Amino acid sequence: MSASPEGSPAYSRTPRTTPTRYRERATWEQEAIHAILDSAYICHLGFVVDGAPVVLPTIFARVGSRLYVHGSTGSRPMRNASGEQGMPVCVTVTQVDALVLTKSAFNHSVNFRSVVAHGTAHQVTDPEELDVALAALVDHAVPGRSAEVRPANAKELAATAVLRLELDEVSAKTRDDAADDDPEDVGLPHWSGLIPVTTVHGTPEPHPGTTVPLPAHLRGYPR
């Protein structure tokens, strides 16, 4: 961990976390990276099996400078990460904020916020840490939810596994630009601009078997 030029906490830069293109869009600031992670529901877990790359979508949660990634005890990443050596991984998260439409096909783009984290993942085996991780995974989507539901029983815990990745080698990259047309294209008779992209949460819909009123942590959702 280091500090940014502005003095805020930042992760150390490494060759793997330093982009080769559009380097000005990158940041290593802890606050910015955590904000992107906390706003996303799905991450993509990348690893290598028998010399071939594999990328799996899954849920995750951040606790401090740790990522907890959900999985099954029978899945390949969990088996590979169960030993002391752990498993080299790359975890990515991307949020799309707008479609960028320009007067030329070449300049079309997407406004986005993304995080890429490299490191060695380990399966969580300590019971107390596993409790923290599983609660965080539930609360990541709906804060306060873990306190309002039945905890996992022994059978469910036996089928569930969690990976831990320390946020050490990590960076964020964002694009938040207008639809800037090339000067020679400005006069062309084509529309250019942004199409905002947002995630919309609907009103909670109770299951037919639910008889209790809407709990406080779901009122006014989303977070």
Protein backbone atom coordinates (compact mmCIF):
# COMPACT_ATOMS: atom_id res chain seq x y z
CA MET A 1 0.00 0.00 0.00
CA SER A 2 1.26 3.50 -0.83
CA ALA A 3 -0.22 6.98 -1.18
CA SER A 4 -1.41 8.79 -4.28
CA PRO A 5 -0.01 12.23 -5.20
CA GLU A 6 -3.08 13.70 -3.46
CA GLY A 7 -2.18 11.83 -0.26
CA SER A 8 -5.03 9.31 -0.24
CA PRO A 9 -4.22 5.61 0.31
CA ALA A 10 -3.33 3.78 -2.88
CA TYR A 11 -2.24 0.33 -3.96
CA SER A 12 1.29 -0.08 -5.29
CA ARG A 13 1.73 0.02 -9.04
CA THR A 14 3.15 -3.05 -10.74
CA PRO A 15 3.76 -3.92 -14.40
CA ARG A 16 0.60 -6.05 -14.38
CA THR A 17 -1.56 -3.23 -13.02
CA THR A 18 -0.17 -0.49 -15.25
CA PRO A 19 -2.07 -0.20 -18.56
CA THR A 20 -0.11 0.08 -21.77
CA ARG A 21 -2.91 2.10 -23.43
CA TYR A 22 -4.84 5.08 -22.04
CA ARG A 23 -2.72 5.07 -18.91
CA GLU A 24 -4.32 8.37 -17.86
CA ARG A 25 -7.59 6.49 -17.22
CA ALA A 26 -6.02 4.24 -14.60
CA THR A 27 -6.01 4.78 -10.85
CA TRP A 28 -4.56 2.89 -7.93
CA GLU A 29 -6.43 4.87 -5.30
CA GLN A 30 -7.97 2.61 -2.69
CA GLU A 31 -11.20 4.60 -2.36
CA ALA A 32 -11.92 4.57 -6.10
CA ILE A 33 -11.18 0.86 -6.43
CA HIS A 34 -13.34 -0.07 -3.43
CA ALA A 35 -16.24 2.03 -4.73
CA ILE A 36 -16.28 0.15 -8.05
CA LEU A 37 -16.09 -3.23 -6.33
CA ASP A 38 -18.85 -2.34 -3.87
CA SER A 39 -21.20 -1.24 -6.65
CA ALA A 40 -20.97 -4.47 -8.68
CA TYR A 41 -22.78 -7.76 -8.17
CA ILE A 42 -20.74 -10.10 -10.39
CA CYS A 43 -17.03 -10.63 -10.86
CA HIS A 44 -15.19 -12.81 -13.36
CA LEU A 45 -12.63 -15.20 -11.90
CA GLY A 46 -9.81 -16.14 -14.28
CA PHE A 47 -7.39 -19.02 -13.73
CA VAL A 48 -5.52 -21.69 -15.70
CA VAL A 49 -6.41 -25.38 -15.82
CA ASP A 50 -4.17 -27.84 -17.70
CA GLY A 51 -2.52 -24.97 -19.52
CA ALA A 52 -5.78 -23.44 -20.75
CA PRO A 53 -7.43 -20.27 -19.44
CA VAL A 54 -10.82 -20.47 -17.71
CA VAL A 55 -13.00 -17.50 -16.75
CA LEU A 56 -16.06 -17.97 -14.53
CA PRO A 57 -18.70 -15.42 -13.46
CA THR A 58 -19.60 -15.56 -9.78
CA ILE A 59 -20.67 -13.43 -6.82
CA PHE A 60 -18.18 -11.77 -4.51
CA ALA A 61 -17.84 -9.36 -1.62
CA ARG A 62 -15.17 -7.05 -0.29
CA VAL A 63 -14.19 -6.92 3.38
CA GLY A 64 -11.49 -4.32 3.89
CA SER A 65 -8.72 -5.14 1.44
CA ARG A 66 -9.86 -8.71 0.88
CA LEU A 67 -12.11 -10.13 -1.80
CA TYR A 68 -14.21 -13.17 -1.02
CA VAL A 69 -15.35 -15.12 -4.08
CA HIS A 70 -18.18 -17.65 -3.85
CA GLY A 71 -17.99 -21.16 -5.26
CA SER A 72 -18.78 -24.84 -4.79
CA THR A 73 -16.53 -27.29 -2.98
CA GLY A 74 -16.57 -29.48 -6.08
CA SER A 75 -15.57 -26.78 -8.57
CA ARG A 76 -12.14 -26.69 -10.19
CA PRO A 77 -11.02 -23.33 -8.76
CA MET A 78 -11.89 -24.39 -5.24
CA ARG A 79 -10.05 -27.69 -5.58
CA ASN A 80 -7.01 -25.96 -7.06
CA ALA A 81 -6.93 -23.31 -4.31
CA SER A 82 -7.37 -25.72 -1.42
CA GLY A 83 -3.64 -26.36 -0.93
CA GLU A 84 -1.16 -24.17 0.90
CA GLN A 85 0.22 -22.87 -2.40
CA GLY A 86 -3.13 -21.47 -3.42
CA MET A 87 -4.04 -20.68 -7.02
CA PRO A 88 -2.91 -17.75 -9.21
CA VAL A 89 -5.99 -15.82 -10.33
CA CYS A 90 -7.12 -12.65 -12.01
CA VAL A 91 -10.42 -11.16 -10.84
CA THR A 92 -12.18 -8.51 -12.91
CA VAL A 93 -15.25 -6.34 -12.36
CA THR A 94 -16.81 -4.01 -14.95
CA GLN A 95 -19.64 -1.51 -14.73
CA VAL A 96 -21.04 0.00 -17.96
CA ASP A 97 -22.26 3.60 -17.59
CA ALA A 98 -23.02 4.69 -21.16
CA LEU A 99 -22.89 3.72 -24.81
CA VAL A 100 -20.84 6.27 -26.73
CA LEU A 101 -22.13 6.86 -30.27
CA THR A 102 -20.11 8.95 -32.69
CA LYS A 103 -20.41 9.96 -36.32
CA SER A 104 -17.70 7.48 -37.31
CA ALA A 105 -17.83 3.75 -36.67
CA PHE A 106 -14.23 3.76 -35.45
CA ASN A 107 -14.81 6.19 -32.57
CA HIS A 108 -17.77 4.36 -31.00
CA SER A 109 -16.99 3.36 -27.42
CA VAL A 110 -18.37 2.61 -23.96
CA ASN A 111 -18.09 4.63 -20.76
CA PHE A 112 -17.13 2.20 -18.01
CA ARG A 113 -15.58 1.63 -14.60
CA SER A 114 -13.45 -1.49 -14.12
CA VAL A 115 -11.16 -3.17 -11.63
CA VAL A 116 -8.52 -5.83 -12.29
CA ALA A 117 -6.92 -7.69 -9.37
CA HIS A 118 -4.06 -10.19 -9.60
CA GLY A 119 -2.83 -12.50 -6.90
CA THR A 120 -2.92 -15.93 -5.31
CA ALA A 121 -6.31 -17.06 -4.03
CA HIS A 122 -6.72 -19.41 -1.07
CA GLN A 123 -9.77 -21.33 0.05
CA VAL A 124 -11.18 -20.05 3.34
CA THR A 125 -11.04 -22.85 5.91
CA ASP A 126 -11.13 -21.05 9.27
CA PRO A 127 -14.73 -21.32 10.56
CA GLU A 128 -14.83 -17.79 11.97
CA GLU A 129 -13.49 -16.25 8.76
CA LEU A 130 -15.90 -18.36 6.73
CA ASP A 131 -18.80 -16.98 8.77
CA VAL A 132 -17.61 -13.43 8.05
CA ALA A 133 -17.17 -14.19 4.35
CA LEU A 134 -20.57 -15.82 3.88
CA ALA A 135 -22.34 -12.97 5.69
CA ALA A 136 -20.47 -10.47 3.51
CA LEU A 137 -21.52 -12.29 0.35
CA VAL A 138 -25.19 -12.02 1.37
CA ASP A 139 -24.92 -8.44 2.57
CA HIS A 140 -23.02 -7.29 -0.51
CA ALA A 141 -26.23 -7.35 -2.56
CA VAL A 142 -28.64 -6.38 0.24
CA PRO A 143 -27.03 -4.79 3.32
CA GLY A 144 -28.42 -6.25 6.52
CA ARG A 145 -29.83 -9.34 4.82
CA SER A 146 -27.61 -11.89 6.57
CA ALA A 147 -29.13 -11.00 9.96
CA GLU A 148 -32.66 -11.61 8.65
CA VAL A 149 -32.28 -15.16 7.30
CA ARG A 150 -31.49 -18.67 8.52
CA PRO A 151 -27.72 -19.30 8.61
CA ALA A 152 -26.32 -22.11 6.47
CA ASN A 153 -26.58 -25.56 8.03
CA ALA A 154 -23.86 -28.21 8.08
CA LYS A 155 -24.93 -29.78 4.78
CA GLU A 156 -25.03 -26.42 3.03
CA LEU A 157 -21.64 -25.42 4.44
CA ALA A 158 -20.15 -28.69 3.19
CA ALA A 159 -21.23 -27.79 -0.36
CA THR A 160 -20.09 -24.17 -0.21
CA ALA A 161 -16.57 -22.85 -0.62
CA VAL A 162 -15.13 -19.35 -0.59
CA LEU A 163 -11.89 -18.05 -2.05
CA ARG A 164 -9.92 -15.26 -0.39
CA LEU A 165 -7.86 -12.86 -2.49
CA GLU A 166 -5.84 -10.11 -0.85
CA LEU A 167 -6.21 -6.82 -2.71
CA ASP A 168 -2.56 -6.05 -3.25
CA GLU A 169 -1.87 -6.02 -6.99
CA VAL A 170 -4.93 -4.14 -8.19
CA SER A 171 -5.92 -1.13 -10.27
CA ALA A 172 -9.01 0.55 -11.69
CA LYS A 173 -9.62 2.04 -15.12
CA THR A 174 -12.47 4.30 -16.16
CA ARG A 175 -13.78 6.06 -19.24
CA ASP A 176 -16.16 8.96 -18.64
CA ASP A 177 -15.93 10.98 -21.83
CA ALA A 178 -18.29 12.60 -24.26
CA ALA A 179 -18.94 11.44 -27.80
CA ASP A 180 -16.08 13.44 -29.25
CA ASP A 181 -16.17 13.40 -33.03
CA ASP A 182 -13.11 13.96 -35.17
CA PRO A 183 -13.00 17.55 -36.49
CA GLU A 184 -13.52 16.37 -40.05
CA ASP A 185 -16.65 14.43 -39.01
CA VAL A 186 -18.45 17.22 -37.14
CA GLY A 187 -20.42 18.33 -40.20
CA LEU A 188 -21.58 14.83 -41.18
CA PRO A 189 -25.37 14.25 -41.08
CA HIS A 190 -25.21 11.55 -38.39
CA TRP A 191 -26.38 11.57 -34.76
CA SER A 192 -23.75 11.42 -32.02
CA GLY A 193 -24.09 11.38 -28.25
CA LEU A 194 -24.43 9.15 -25.18
CA ILE A 195 -26.98 6.51 -24.21
CA PRO A 196 -26.80 6.24 -20.39
CA VAL A 197 -26.85 2.71 -18.95
CA THR A 198 -28.15 2.15 -15.41
CA THR A 199 -29.21 -0.75 -13.23
CA VAL A 200 -32.83 -0.41 -12.11
CA HIS A 201 -34.20 -2.28 -9.09
CA GLY A 202 -37.90 -3.01 -9.07
CA THR A 203 -40.26 -3.20 -6.13
CA PRO A 204 -39.66 -6.35 -4.01
CA GLU A 205 -42.14 -9.09 -4.95
CA PRO A 206 -42.95 -11.52 -2.11
CA HIS A 207 -43.03 -15.26 -2.67
CA PRO A 208 -46.56 -16.73 -2.28
CA GLY A 209 -45.40 -18.51 0.87
CA THR A 210 -44.18 -15.30 2.48
CA THR A 211 -46.52 -13.97 5.15
CA VAL A 212 -44.32 -11.47 6.99
CA PRO A 213 -44.33 -7.77 6.03
CA LEU A 214 -41.50 -6.26 4.02
CA PRO A 215 -38.51 -6.00 6.38
CA ALA A 216 -36.80 -2.70 7.05
CA HIS A 217 -33.65 -3.61 5.11
CA LEU A 218 -35.72 -3.99 1.92
CA ARG A 219 -37.70 -0.78 2.24
CA GLY A 220 -36.43 1.85 -0.11
CA TYR A 221 -34.12 -0.64 -1.81
CA PRO A 222 -31.70 -0.30 -3.64
CA ARG A 223 -28.82 0.56 -1.39
